[in-house]
C-alpha atoms as a PDB file:
ATOM      1  CA  MET A   1      98.703 192.267  17.161  1.00  0.00           C
ATOM      2  CA  THR A   2      98.708 188.699  15.737  1.00  0.00           C
ATOM      3  CA  ALA A   3      98.739 187.158  18.984  1.00  0.00           C
ATOM      4  CA  LEU A   4      96.078 189.772  19.970  1.00  0.00           C
ATOM      5  CA  ARG A   5      93.795 188.415  17.019  1.00  0.00           C
ATOM      6  CA  GLN A   6      94.574 184.875  18.324  1.00  0.00           C
ATOM      7  CA  LYS A   7      93.397 185.296  21.600  1.00  0.00           C
ATOM      8  CA  ILE A   8      90.341 187.146  20.382  1.00  0.00           C
ATOM      9  CA  SER A   9      89.603 184.337  18.133  1.00  0.00           C
ATOM     10  CA  VAL A  10      90.214 181.956  20.724  1.00  0.00           C
ATOM     11  CA  ARG A  11      87.525 183.637  23.284  1.00  0.00           C
ATOM     12  CA  SER A  12      85.125 184.022  20.532  1.00  0.00           C
ATOM     13  CA  THR A  13      84.950 180.284  19.913  1.00  0.00           C
ATOM     14  CA  GLU A  14      84.873 179.383  23.476  1.00  0.00           C
ATOM     15  CA  PHE A  15      82.000 182.006  23.994  1.00  0.00           C
ATOM     16  CA  THR A  16      80.148 180.280  20.747  1.00  0.00           C
ATOM     17  CA  LEU A  17      80.531 177.048  22.400  1.00  0.00           C
ATOM     18  CA  ALA A  18      79.334 177.912  25.603  1.00  0.00           C
ATOM     19  CA  VAL A  19      76.204 179.258  23.812  1.00  0.00           C
ATOM     20  CA  LEU A  20      75.845 176.121  21.711  1.00  0.00           C
ATOM     21  CA  ALA A  21      76.115 173.783  24.720  1.00  0.00           C
ATOM     22  CA  VAL A  22      73.687 175.998  26.660  1.00  0.00           C
ATOM     23  CA  ALA A  23      71.236 175.957  23.659  1.00  0.00           C
ATOM     24  CA  ALA A  24      71.782 172.008  23.032  1.00  0.00           C
ATOM     25  CA  PHE A  25      70.885 171.451  26.751  1.00  0.00           C
ATOM     26  CA  VAL A  26      67.700 173.336  26.699  1.00  0.00           C
ATOM     27  CA  VAL A  27      66.548 171.747  23.380  1.00  0.00           C
ATOM     28  CA  LEU A  28      67.074 168.306  24.607  1.00  0.00           C
ATOM     29  CA  ALA A  29      65.140 169.175  27.920  1.00  0.00           C
ATOM     30  CA  LEU A  30      62.515 170.425  26.215  1.00  0.00           C
ATOM     31  CA  THR A  31      62.089 167.712  23.469  1.00  0.00           C
ATOM     32  CA  THR A  32      62.325 165.127  26.231  1.00  0.00           C
ATOM     33  CA  ARG A  33      60.219 166.572  28.432  1.00  0.00           C
ATOM     34  CA  GLY A  34      62.704 166.977  31.094  1.00  0.00           C
ATOM     35  CA  SER A  35      63.998 163.633  31.457  1.00  0.00           C
ATOM     36  CA  VAL A  36      67.432 164.962  31.110  1.00  0.00           C
ATOM     37  CA  LEU A  37      67.037 166.906  33.987  1.00  0.00           C
ATOM     38  CA  HIS A  38      66.413 164.153  36.608  1.00  0.00           C
ATOM     39  CA  ALA A  39      69.152 163.482  38.999  1.00  0.00           C
ATOM     40  CA  ASP A  40      70.373 160.116  37.728  1.00  0.00           C
ATOM     41  CA  THR A  41      70.467 161.578  34.207  1.00  0.00           C
ATOM     42  CA  LEU A  42      72.240 164.827  34.848  1.00  0.00           C
ATOM     43  CA  THR A  43      74.917 162.546  37.218  1.00  0.00           C
ATOM     44  CA  ALA A  44      75.318 160.041  34.256  1.00  0.00           C
ATOM     45  CA  ILE A  45      76.090 163.048  31.649  1.00  0.00           C
ATOM     46  CA  PHE A  46      78.966 164.365  33.740  1.00  0.00           C
ATOM     47  CA  GLN A  47      80.330 161.223  34.942  1.00  0.00           C
ATOM     48  CA  PHE A  48      81.013 159.827  31.119  1.00  0.00           C
ATOM     49  CA  LEU A  49      82.204 163.456  30.120  1.00  0.00           C
ATOM     50  CA  ALA A  50      85.557 163.093  32.004  1.00  0.00           C
ATOM     51  CA  VAL A  51      87.099 160.628  29.913  1.00  0.00           C
ATOM     52  CA  PRO A  52      86.257 162.735  26.641  1.00  0.00           C
ATOM     53  CA  MET A  53      87.227 165.974  28.234  1.00  0.00           C
ATOM     54  CA  VAL A  54      90.956 164.341  29.344  1.00  0.00           C
ATOM     55  CA  ILE A  55      91.289 162.708  26.052  1.00  0.00           C
ATOM     56  CA  GLY A  56      90.463 165.805  24.218  1.00  0.00           C
ATOM     57  CA  LEU A  57      93.235 167.378  26.377  1.00  0.00           C
ATOM     58  CA  ALA A  58      95.768 164.409  25.450  1.00  0.00           C
ATOM     59  CA  GLN A  59      95.433 165.099  21.790  1.00  0.00           C
ATOM     60  CA  MET A  60      95.367 168.829  22.353  1.00  0.00           C
ATOM     61  CA  VAL A  61      98.776 169.020  23.867  1.00  0.00           C
ATOM     62  CA  VAL A  62     100.235 167.086  20.951  1.00  0.00           C
ATOM     63  CA  LEU A  63      98.312 169.338  18.423  1.00  0.00           C
ATOM     64  CA  GLY A  64      99.932 172.548  20.232  1.00  0.00           C
ATOM     65  CA  VAL A  65     103.161 171.689  18.461  1.00  0.00           C
ATOM     66  CA  GLY A  66     101.810 170.589  15.175  1.00  0.00           C
ATOM     67  CA  GLN A  67     101.646 167.148  15.353  1.00  0.00           C
ATOM     68  CA  MET A  68      98.812 164.243  16.148  1.00  0.00           C
ATOM     69  CA  ASN A  69      98.589 160.955  18.503  1.00  0.00           C
ATOM     70  CA  LEU A  70      96.665 158.604  16.827  1.00  0.00           C
ATOM     71  CA  SER A  71      97.380 156.060  19.757  1.00  0.00           C
ATOM     72  CA  VAL A  72      95.554 158.111  22.282  1.00  0.00           C
ATOM     73  CA  GLY A  73      92.667 155.783  22.504  1.00  0.00           C
ATOM     74  CA  VAL A  74      94.603 152.703  22.516  1.00  0.00           C
ATOM     75  CA  VAL A  75      97.145 154.003  25.050  1.00  0.00           C
ATOM     76  CA  THR A  76      93.908 154.886  27.198  1.00  0.00           C
ATOM     77  CA  GLY A  77      92.443 151.367  26.959  1.00  0.00           C
ATOM     78  CA  PHE A  78      95.960 149.780  27.770  1.00  0.00           C
ATOM     79  CA  CYS A  79      96.687 151.727  30.673  1.00  0.00           C
ATOM     80  CA  ALA A  80      93.046 150.833  31.815  1.00  0.00           C
ATOM     81  CA  MET A  81      94.153 147.153  31.564  1.00  0.00           C
ATOM     82  CA  VAL A  82      97.387 147.679  33.455  1.00  0.00           C
ATOM     83  CA  THR A  83      95.618 148.977  36.110  1.00  0.00           C
ATOM     84  CA  ALA A  84      92.970 146.763  36.438  1.00  0.00           C
ATOM     85  CA  TRP A  85      95.541 143.589  35.951  1.00  0.00           C
ATOM     86  CA  LEU A  86      97.876 144.820  38.646  1.00  0.00           C
ATOM     87  CA  MET A  87      94.819 144.931  41.110  1.00  0.00           C
ATOM     88  CA  VAL A  88      93.398 141.851  40.055  1.00  0.00           C
ATOM     89  CA  ASP A  89      96.165 139.310  38.950  1.00  0.00           C
ATOM     90  CA  VAL A  90      99.286 140.786  40.855  1.00  0.00           C
ATOM     91  CA  GLY A  91      97.445 141.911  43.843  1.00  0.00           C
ATOM     92  CA  LEU A  92      98.856 145.526  43.829  1.00  0.00           C
ATOM     93  CA  PRO A  93      96.718 148.137  46.209  1.00  0.00           C
ATOM     94  CA  ALA A  94      94.783 150.695  44.436  1.00  0.00           C
ATOM     95  CA  TRP A  95      96.998 153.678  44.832  1.00  0.00           C
ATOM     96  CA  LEU A  96      99.989 151.816  43.414  1.00  0.00           C
ATOM     97  CA  ALA A  97      97.988 150.288  40.157  1.00  0.00           C
ATOM     98  CA  VAL A  98      96.836 153.775  39.671  1.00  0.00           C
ATOM     99  CA  ILE A  99     100.136 155.272  39.807  1.00  0.00           C
ATOM    100  CA  ALA A 100     101.452 152.285  37.479  1.00  0.00           C
ATOM    101  CA  GLY A 101      98.586 152.867  34.915  1.00  0.00           C
ATOM    102  CA  MET A 102      99.495 156.607  34.630  1.00  0.00           C
ATOM    103  CA  VAL A 103     103.306 156.102  34.362  1.00  0.00           C
ATOM    104  CA  THR A 104     102.798 153.461  31.509  1.00  0.00           C
ATOM    105  CA  GLY A 105     100.606 156.031  29.711  1.00  0.00           C
ATOM    106  CA  SER A 106     103.752 158.535  30.295  1.00  0.00           C
ATOM    107  CA  ALA A 107     106.329 156.114  28.979  1.00  0.00           C
ATOM    108  CA  ILE A 108     104.374 155.022  25.971  1.00  0.00           C
ATOM    109  CA  GLY A 109     104.114 158.949  25.130  1.00  0.00           C
ATOM    110  CA  LEU A 110     107.847 159.453  26.077  1.00  0.00           C
ATOM    111  CA  ALA A 111     108.699 156.796  23.526  1.00  0.00           C
ATOM    112  CA  ASN A 112     106.428 158.352  20.839  1.00  0.00           C
ATOM    113  CA  GLY A 113     108.285 161.738  21.320  1.00  0.00           C
ATOM    114  CA  LEU A 114     112.093 159.938  21.477  1.00  0.00           C
ATOM    115  CA  ILE A 115     111.291 157.906  18.108  1.00  0.00           C
ATOM    116  CA  VAL A 116     109.846 161.503  16.538  1.00  0.00           C
ATOM    117  CA  VAL A 117     112.866 163.349  17.468  1.00  0.00           C
ATOM    118  CA  LEU A 118     115.224 160.507  16.790  1.00  0.00           C
ATOM    119  CA  THR A 119     113.906 159.379  13.488  1.00  0.00           C
ATOM    120  CA  ARG A 120     112.476 162.690  12.306  1.00  0.00           C
ATOM    121  CA  ILE A 121     109.398 160.729  11.192  1.00  0.00           C
ATOM    122  CA  ASN A 122     106.005 162.698  11.861  1.00  0.00           C
ATOM    123  CA  GLY A 123     104.118 162.031  14.763  1.00  0.00           C
ATOM    124  CA  PHE A 124     101.355 160.753  12.741  1.00  0.00           C
ATOM    125  CA  ILE A 125     103.196 158.028  11.429  1.00  0.00           C
ATOM    126  CA  VAL A 126     104.809 157.172  14.390  1.00  0.00           C
ATOM    127  CA  THR A 127     101.931 156.981  16.435  1.00  0.00           C
ATOM    128  CA  LEU A 128      99.849 155.031  13.802  1.00  0.00           C
ATOM    129  CA  ALA A 129     102.420 152.476  14.412  1.00  0.00           C
ATOM    130  CA  THR A 130     102.538 152.797  18.086  1.00  0.00           C
ATOM    131  CA  MET A 131      98.411 152.282  18.036  1.00  0.00           C
ATOM    132  CA  THR A 132      98.959 149.018  15.893  1.00  0.00           C
ATOM    133  CA  ILE A 133     101.526 147.687  18.221  1.00  0.00           C
ATOM    134  CA  ILE A 134      99.709 148.468  21.617  1.00  0.00           C
ATOM    135  CA  ASP A 135      96.188 147.238  20.080  1.00  0.00           C
ATOM    136  CA  GLY A 136      98.125 143.923  19.343  1.00  0.00           C
ATOM    137  CA  LEU A 137      99.516 143.829  22.856  1.00  0.00           C
ATOM    138  CA  ARG A 138      96.103 144.252  24.250  1.00  0.00           C
ATOM    139  CA  TYR A 139      94.491 141.577  22.636  1.00  0.00           C
ATOM    140  CA  GLY A 140      97.753 139.409  22.285  1.00  0.00           C
ATOM    141  CA  VAL A 141      98.860 139.749  26.020  1.00  0.00           C
ATOM    142  CA  HIS A 142      95.563 140.087  27.967  1.00  0.00           C
ATOM    143  CA  GLY A 143      93.170 138.360  25.476  1.00  0.00           C
ATOM    144  CA  THR A 144      89.690 139.081  25.651  1.00  0.00           C
ATOM    145  CA  ALA A 145      89.156 138.438  29.146  1.00  0.00           C
ATOM    146  CA  THR A 146      87.526 140.869  31.390  1.00  0.00           C
ATOM    147  CA  TYR A 147      89.009 142.308  34.883  1.00  0.00           C
ATOM    148  CA  GLN A 148      86.637 142.950  37.350  1.00  0.00           C
ATOM    149  CA  GLY A 149      86.227 142.662  41.170  1.00  0.00           C
ATOM    150  CA  TYR A 150      89.106 144.885  41.815  1.00  0.00           C
ATOM    151  CA  SER A 151      89.208 147.554  44.542  1.00  0.00           C
ATOM    152  CA  PRO A 152      85.830 148.412  45.778  1.00  0.00           C
ATOM    153  CA  GLY A 153      86.777 151.516  47.154  1.00  0.00           C
ATOM    154  CA  LEU A 154      88.115 152.650  44.001  1.00  0.00           C
ATOM    155  CA  VAL A 155      84.733 151.842  42.136  1.00  0.00           C
ATOM    156  CA  ARG A 156      83.091 153.575  45.049  1.00  0.00           C
ATOM    157  CA  LEU A 157      85.166 156.691  44.442  1.00  0.00           C
ATOM    158  CA  GLY A 158      84.419 156.824  40.848  1.00  0.00           C
ATOM    159  CA  GLN A 159      80.625 156.354  41.583  1.00  0.00           C
ATOM    160  CA  ALA A 160      80.741 158.882  44.223  1.00  0.00           C
ATOM    161  CA  SER A 161      79.510 162.638  44.080  1.00  0.00           C
ATOM    162  CA  VAL A 162      80.411 165.859  45.920  1.00  0.00           C
ATOM    163  CA  LEU A 163      77.519 168.004  46.438  1.00  0.00           C
ATOM    164  CA  GLY A 164      75.782 165.899  43.614  1.00  0.00           C
ATOM    165  CA  VAL A 165      78.642 166.415  41.045  1.00  0.00           C
ATOM    166  CA  PRO A 166      80.209 163.204  40.246  1.00  0.00           C
ATOM    167  CA  THR A 167      84.090 162.972  41.629  1.00  0.00           C
ATOM    168  CA  VAL A 168      85.203 162.007  38.236  1.00  0.00           C
ATOM    169  CA  PHE A 169      83.924 164.950  36.537  1.00  0.00           C
ATOM    170  CA  LEU A 170      85.596 167.041  39.370  1.00  0.00           C
ATOM    171  CA  PHE A 171      88.916 165.318  38.839  1.00  0.00           C
ATOM    172  CA  ALA A 172      88.725 165.886  35.115  1.00  0.00           C
ATOM    173  CA  VAL A 173      88.037 169.712  35.942  1.00  0.00           C
ATOM    174  CA  LEU A 174      90.904 169.946  38.054  1.00  0.00           C
ATOM    175  CA  VAL A 175      93.060 168.308  35.362  1.00  0.00           C
ATOM    176  CA  ALA A 176      91.937 170.676  32.772  1.00  0.00           C
ATOM    177  CA  ILE A 177      92.909 173.517  35.277  1.00  0.00           C
ATOM    178  CA  ALA A 178      96.431 171.980  35.683  1.00  0.00           C
ATOM    179  CA  VAL A 179      96.789 171.643  32.016  1.00  0.00           C
ATOM    180  CA  ALA A 180      95.775 175.378  31.532  1.00  0.00           C
ATOM    181  CA  VAL A 181      98.320 176.585  34.236  1.00  0.00           C
ATOM    182  CA  PHE A 182     100.914 174.481  32.239  1.00  0.00           C
ATOM    183  CA  PHE A 183     100.670 176.617  29.141  1.00  0.00           C
ATOM    184  CA  ARG A 184      99.605 179.842  30.701  1.00  0.00           C
ATOM    185  CA  ARG A 185     102.125 180.066  33.862  1.00  0.00           C
ATOM    186  CA  MET A 186     105.048 177.749  33.249  1.00  0.00           C
ATOM    187  CA  ALA A 187     108.002 178.586  30.812  1.00  0.00           C
ATOM    188  CA  LEU A 188     107.862 174.925  29.615  1.00  0.00           C
ATOM    189  CA  GLY A 189     104.177 175.357  28.287  1.00  0.00           C
ATOM    190  CA  ARG A 190     104.913 178.595  26.594  1.00  0.00           C
ATOM    191  CA  GLN A 191     108.221 177.274  24.828  1.00  0.00           C
ATOM    192  CA  LEU A 192     105.810 174.326  23.551  1.00  0.00           C
ATOM    193  CA  LEU A 193     103.490 176.769  22.084  1.00  0.00           C
ATOM    194  CA  ALA A 194     106.301 178.555  20.542  1.00  0.00           C
ATOM    195  CA  SER A 195     107.735 175.714  18.981  1.00  0.00           C
ATOM    196  CA  GLY A 196     104.650 174.916  17.448  1.00  0.00           C
ATOM    197  CA  GLY A 197     103.684 178.167  16.351  1.00  0.00           C
ATOM    198  CA  ASN A 198     107.243 179.156  14.787  1.00  0.00           C
ATOM    199  CA  PRO A 199     109.986 176.520  15.066  1.00  0.00           C
ATOM    200  CA  LEU A 200     112.540 178.600  13.625  1.00  0.00           C
ATOM    201  CA  ALA A 201     112.046 181.591  15.918  1.00  0.00           C
ATOM    202  CA  ALA A 202     111.697 179.306  18.589  1.00  0.00           C
ATOM    203  CA  ARG A 203     115.319 177.768  17.849  1.00  0.00           C
ATOM    204  CA  LEU A 204     116.762 181.466  17.609  1.00  0.00           C
ATOM    205  CA  SER A 205     115.218 182.234  21.043  1.00  0.00           C
ATOM    206  CA  GLY A 206     116.953 179.395  22.506  1.00  0.00           C
ATOM    207  CA  VAL A 207     114.088 177.169  22.868  1.00  0.00           C
ATOM    208  CA  SER A 208     114.362 173.475  21.986  1.00  0.00           C
ATOM    209  CA  ASN A 209     111.968 172.111  19.611  1.00  0.00           C
ATOM    210  CA  ASP A 210     113.113 168.508  20.092  1.00  0.00           C
ATOM    211  CA  ARG A 211     112.634 168.825  23.786  1.00  0.00           C
ATOM    212  CA  SER A 212     109.201 170.352  23.149  1.00  0.00           C
ATOM    213  CA  LEU A 213     108.249 167.645  20.848  1.00  0.00           C
ATOM    214  CA  VAL A 214     109.224 164.899  23.668  1.00  0.00           C
ATOM    215  CA  LEU A 215     107.401 166.879  26.407  1.00  0.00           C
ATOM    216  CA  ALA A 216     104.109 167.383  24.225  1.00  0.00           C
ATOM    217  CA  HIS A 217     104.179 163.494  23.511  1.00  0.00           C
ATOM    218  CA  LEU A 218     105.005 162.427  27.326  1.00  0.00           C
ATOM    219  CA  LEU A 219     102.385 164.972  28.485  1.00  0.00           C
ATOM    220  CA  SER A 220      99.860 163.270  26.033  1.00  0.00           C
ATOM    221  CA  GLY A 221     100.781 159.869  27.142  1.00  0.00           C
ATOM    222  CA  LEU A 222     100.268 160.695  30.750  1.00  0.00           C
ATOM    223  CA  LEU A 223      97.114 162.356  30.404  1.00  0.00           C
ATOM    224  CA  ALA A 224      95.909 159.077  28.390  1.00  0.00           C
ATOM    225  CA  GLY A 225      97.006 157.108  31.238  1.00  0.00           C
ATOM    226  CA  VAL A 226      94.948 159.486  33.734  1.00  0.00           C
ATOM    227  CA  ALA A 227      91.964 158.719  31.280  1.00  0.00           C
ATOM    228  CA  GLY A 228      92.301 155.038  31.553  1.00  0.00           C
ATOM    229  CA  VAL A 229      92.357 155.151  35.242  1.00  0.00           C
ATOM    230  CA  ILE A 230      89.126 157.140  35.178  1.00  0.00           C
ATOM    231  CA  VAL A 231      87.847 154.377  32.989  1.00  0.00           C
ATOM    232  CA  VAL A 232      88.775 151.756  35.556  1.00  0.00           C
ATOM    233  CA  ALA A 233      87.191 153.906  38.439  1.00  0.00           C
ATOM    234  CA  LEU A 234      83.871 154.322  36.545  1.00  0.00           C
ATOM    235  CA  SER A 235      83.038 150.926  35.026  1.00  0.00           C
ATOM    236  CA  GLY A 236      84.078 148.146  37.375  1.00  0.00           C
ATOM    237  CA  SER A 237      85.277 146.076  34.817  1.00  0.00           C
ATOM    238  CA  VAL A 238      87.847 146.205  31.851  1.00  0.00           C
ATOM    239  CA  ASN A 239      88.638 144.216  28.951  1.00  0.00           C
ATOM    240  CA  ALA A 240      90.547 144.904  25.699  1.00  0.00           C
ATOM    241  CA  THR A 241      87.869 146.965  23.588  1.00  0.00           C
ATOM    242  CA  ILE A 242      88.272 149.794  25.952  1.00  0.00           C
ATOM    243  CA  GLY A 243      89.574 152.705  23.975  1.00  0.00           C
ATOM    244  CA  ASP A 244      88.413 151.367  20.390  1.00  0.00           C
ATOM    245  CA  ASP A 245      85.680 154.237  20.061  1.00  0.00           C
ATOM    246  CA  LEU A 246      87.882 157.291  21.706  1.00  0.00           C
ATOM    247  CA  LEU A 247      89.881 158.396  18.724  1.00  0.00           C
ATOM    248  CA  LEU A 248      87.228 160.588  16.762  1.00  0.00           C
ATOM    249  CA  PRO A 249      86.483 162.364  20.243  1.00  0.00           C
ATOM    250  CA  SER A 250      89.989 162.888  20.927  1.00  0.00           C
ATOM    251  CA  PHE A 251      90.265 164.879  17.603  1.00  0.00           C
ATOM    252  CA  ALA A 252      86.699 166.346  17.680  1.00  0.00           C
ATOM    253  CA  ALA A 253      87.066 168.131  21.125  1.00  0.00           C
ATOM    254  CA  PRO A 254      90.353 170.008  20.484  1.00  0.00           C
ATOM    255  CA  ILE A 255      89.667 171.002  17.096  1.00  0.00           C
ATOM    256  CA  ILE A 256      85.929 172.079  17.369  1.00  0.00           C
ATOM    257  CA  GLY A 257      87.146 173.976  20.649  1.00  0.00           C
ATOM    258  CA  GLY A 258      89.513 176.295  18.555  1.00  0.00           C
ATOM    259  CA  VAL A 259      92.981 174.494  18.605  1.00  0.00           C
ATOM    260  CA  ALA A 260      95.228 175.426  15.635  1.00  0.00           C
ATOM    261  CA  LEU A 261      96.125 172.294  13.847  1.00  0.00           C
ATOM    262  CA  ALA A 262      99.433 173.764  12.618  1.00  0.00           C
ATOM    263  CA  GLY A 263     100.193 174.234  16.291  1.00  0.00           C
ATOM    264  CA  GLY A 264     100.978 177.258  18.493  1.00  0.00           C
ATOM    265  CA  VAL A 265      97.433 177.488  19.875  1.00  0.00           C
ATOM    266  CA  VAL A 266      95.314 175.718  22.292  1.00  0.00           C
ATOM    267  CA  SER A 267      92.193 176.324  23.888  1.00  0.00           C
ATOM    268  CA  VAL A 268      91.353 174.295  27.151  1.00  0.00           C
ATOM    269  CA  VAL A 269      88.245 175.765  27.842  1.00  0.00           C
ATOM    270  CA  GLY A 270      87.247 175.449  24.325  1.00  0.00           C
ATOM    271  CA  THR A 271      88.240 171.679  24.239  1.00  0.00           C
ATOM    272  CA  CYS A 272      86.058 171.001  27.529  1.00  0.00           C
ATOM    273  CA  LEU A 273      83.197 172.883  26.000  1.00  0.00           C
ATOM    274  CA  ALA A 274      83.363 171.046  23.044  1.00  0.00           C
ATOM    275  CA  ALA A 275      83.679 167.618  24.486  1.00  0.00           C
ATOM    276  CA  LEU A 276      80.435 168.720  26.730  1.00  0.00           C
ATOM    277  CA  ILE A 277      78.713 169.541  23.084  1.00  0.00           C
ATOM    278  CA  VAL A 278      79.890 165.935  21.676  1.00  0.00           C
ATOM    279  CA  ARG A 279      78.573 164.372  24.989  1.00  0.00           C
ATOM    280  CA  LEU A 280      75.427 166.040  24.411  1.00  0.00           C
ATOM    281  CA  VAL A 281      75.341 164.510  21.144  1.00  0.00           C
ATOM    282  CA  ASP A 282      75.585 160.854  22.414  1.00  0.00           C
ATOM    283  CA  VAL A 283      72.850 161.585  25.055  1.00  0.00           C
ATOM    284  CA  ALA A 284      70.514 162.817  22.215  1.00  0.00           C
ATOM    285  CA  GLN A 285      71.368 159.629  20.336  1.00  0.00           C
ATOM    286  CA  ALA A 286      70.296 157.699  23.243  1.00  0.00           C
ATOM    287  CA  GLN A 287      66.983 159.706  24.020  1.00  0.00           C
ATOM    288  CA  TYR A 288      66.033 159.600  20.217  1.00  0.00           C
ATOM    289  CA  SER A 289      67.304 156.162  19.702  1.00  0.00           C
ATOM    290  CA  ILE A 290      69.106 157.445  16.569  1.00  0.00           C
ATOM    291  CA  ASN A 291      71.569 154.950  14.674  1.00  0.00           C
ATOM    292  CA  PRO A 292      75.112 155.548  16.133  1.00  0.00           C
ATOM    293  CA  ASP A 293      76.630 155.696  12.578  1.00  0.00           C
ATOM    294  CA  TRP A 294      74.718 158.849  11.933  1.00  0.00           C
ATOM    295  CA  VAL A 295      76.087 160.335  15.131  1.00  0.00           C
ATOM    296  CA  ASP A 296      79.512 159.731  14.079  1.00  0.00           C
ATOM    297  CA  LEU A 297      78.694 161.098  10.613  1.00  0.00           C
ATOM    298  CA  ILE A 298      77.605 164.612  12.184  1.00  0.00           C
ATOM    299  CA  VAL A 299      80.796 164.585  14.609  1.00  0.00           C
ATOM    300  CA  GLY A 300      82.897 163.962  11.829  1.00  0.00           C
ATOM    301  CA  ALA A 301      81.130 166.486   9.720  1.00  0.00           C
ATOM    302  CA  VAL A 302      81.520 169.243  12.191  1.00  0.00           C
ATOM    303  CA  VAL A 303      85.010 168.327  12.892  1.00  0.00           C
ATOM    304  CA  LEU A 304      85.658 168.866   9.005  1.00  0.00           C
ATOM    305  CA  GLY A 305      83.652 172.067   9.337  1.00  0.00           C
ATOM    306  CA  ALA A 306      85.582 173.332  12.161  1.00  0.00           C
ATOM    307  CA  VAL A 307      89.177 172.701  10.330  1.00  0.00           C
ATOM    308  CA  LEU A 308      87.812 174.660   6.989  1.00  0.00           C
ATOM    309  CA  ILE A 309      86.818 177.280   9.153  1.00  0.00           C
ATOM    310  CA  THR A 310      89.985 177.496  10.981  1.00  0.00           C
ATOM    311  CA  GLN A 311      91.833 177.401   7.757  1.00  0.00           C
ATOM    312  CA  LEU A 312      89.517 180.417   6.029  1.00  0.00           C
ATOM    313  CA  ARG A 313      89.992 182.318   9.152  1.00  0.00           C
ATOM    314  CA  GLY A 314      93.809 181.752   8.853  1.00  0.00           C
ATOM    315  CA  ARG A 315      94.092 183.277   5.383  1.00  0.00           C
ATOM    316  CA  ALA A 316      91.925 186.053   6.083  1.00  0.00           C
ATOM    317  CA  ALA A 317      94.108 187.100   8.704  1.00  0.00           C
ATOM    318  CA  LYS A 318      97.307 187.406   6.424  1.00  0.00           C
END
């Protein structure tokens, strides 16, 4: 019965977010006299939605086990710099540099998970330390240099479209589908949620909570690496500032999307829809020339409200 209530709650959240996204888009279209309906504007909206979607999923995976990953943004930037550096300075082909970028993210995630398990220190603290270390590496090793002029083919792919839909957005959708399949169809995904929902019951059922923690952080790092590769393909140039503004969106998407902070419940569709809503807020900021600080305030307030609503629902269900 509890599982049924959770499913209904997640679905209703997804439906509400879908309605809000449609309503927000209609309001934008009306108040901007249809400027957001232009092909170039729509392309830009969905091109730059790809990274927030994948970043939200990277945070969602860790939230699924009741932990947080504060290093998601800087890992994304670091992986983007590693990918570009390997192409520009080392001379690796684009496909090999892309794989190396994703492997770098996975390795950082694996290190986070192992440290959490071996030290029993909460992931919040561990990833805070990781964030600081990687932030220092970005500037200490690479400095403020900008990497550009790398693989024209990769950049063309990042700017390309299929039937008018940006390829990077389609790639992000495929990533979201893969994450959804992992949690719905694969035993490891269900075990990860079991560890997040009730660690004691999971352990009594033969599930290794330590393995779930390591796996969650590993997947989070991998997804951050994927986001870094998308950044490289999209931007055409990369520097040490990449990822500095991704921490808030990484939490906003899953929390607004209905993911439980305590663990055990995830929502891939809700996370993606929430990322779209946050993206529309950014579009509104550009269209109406709103101070960016106000946008951060609004998004932060919405995240706080979502957390409070989730807690109230949890108390009402008991």
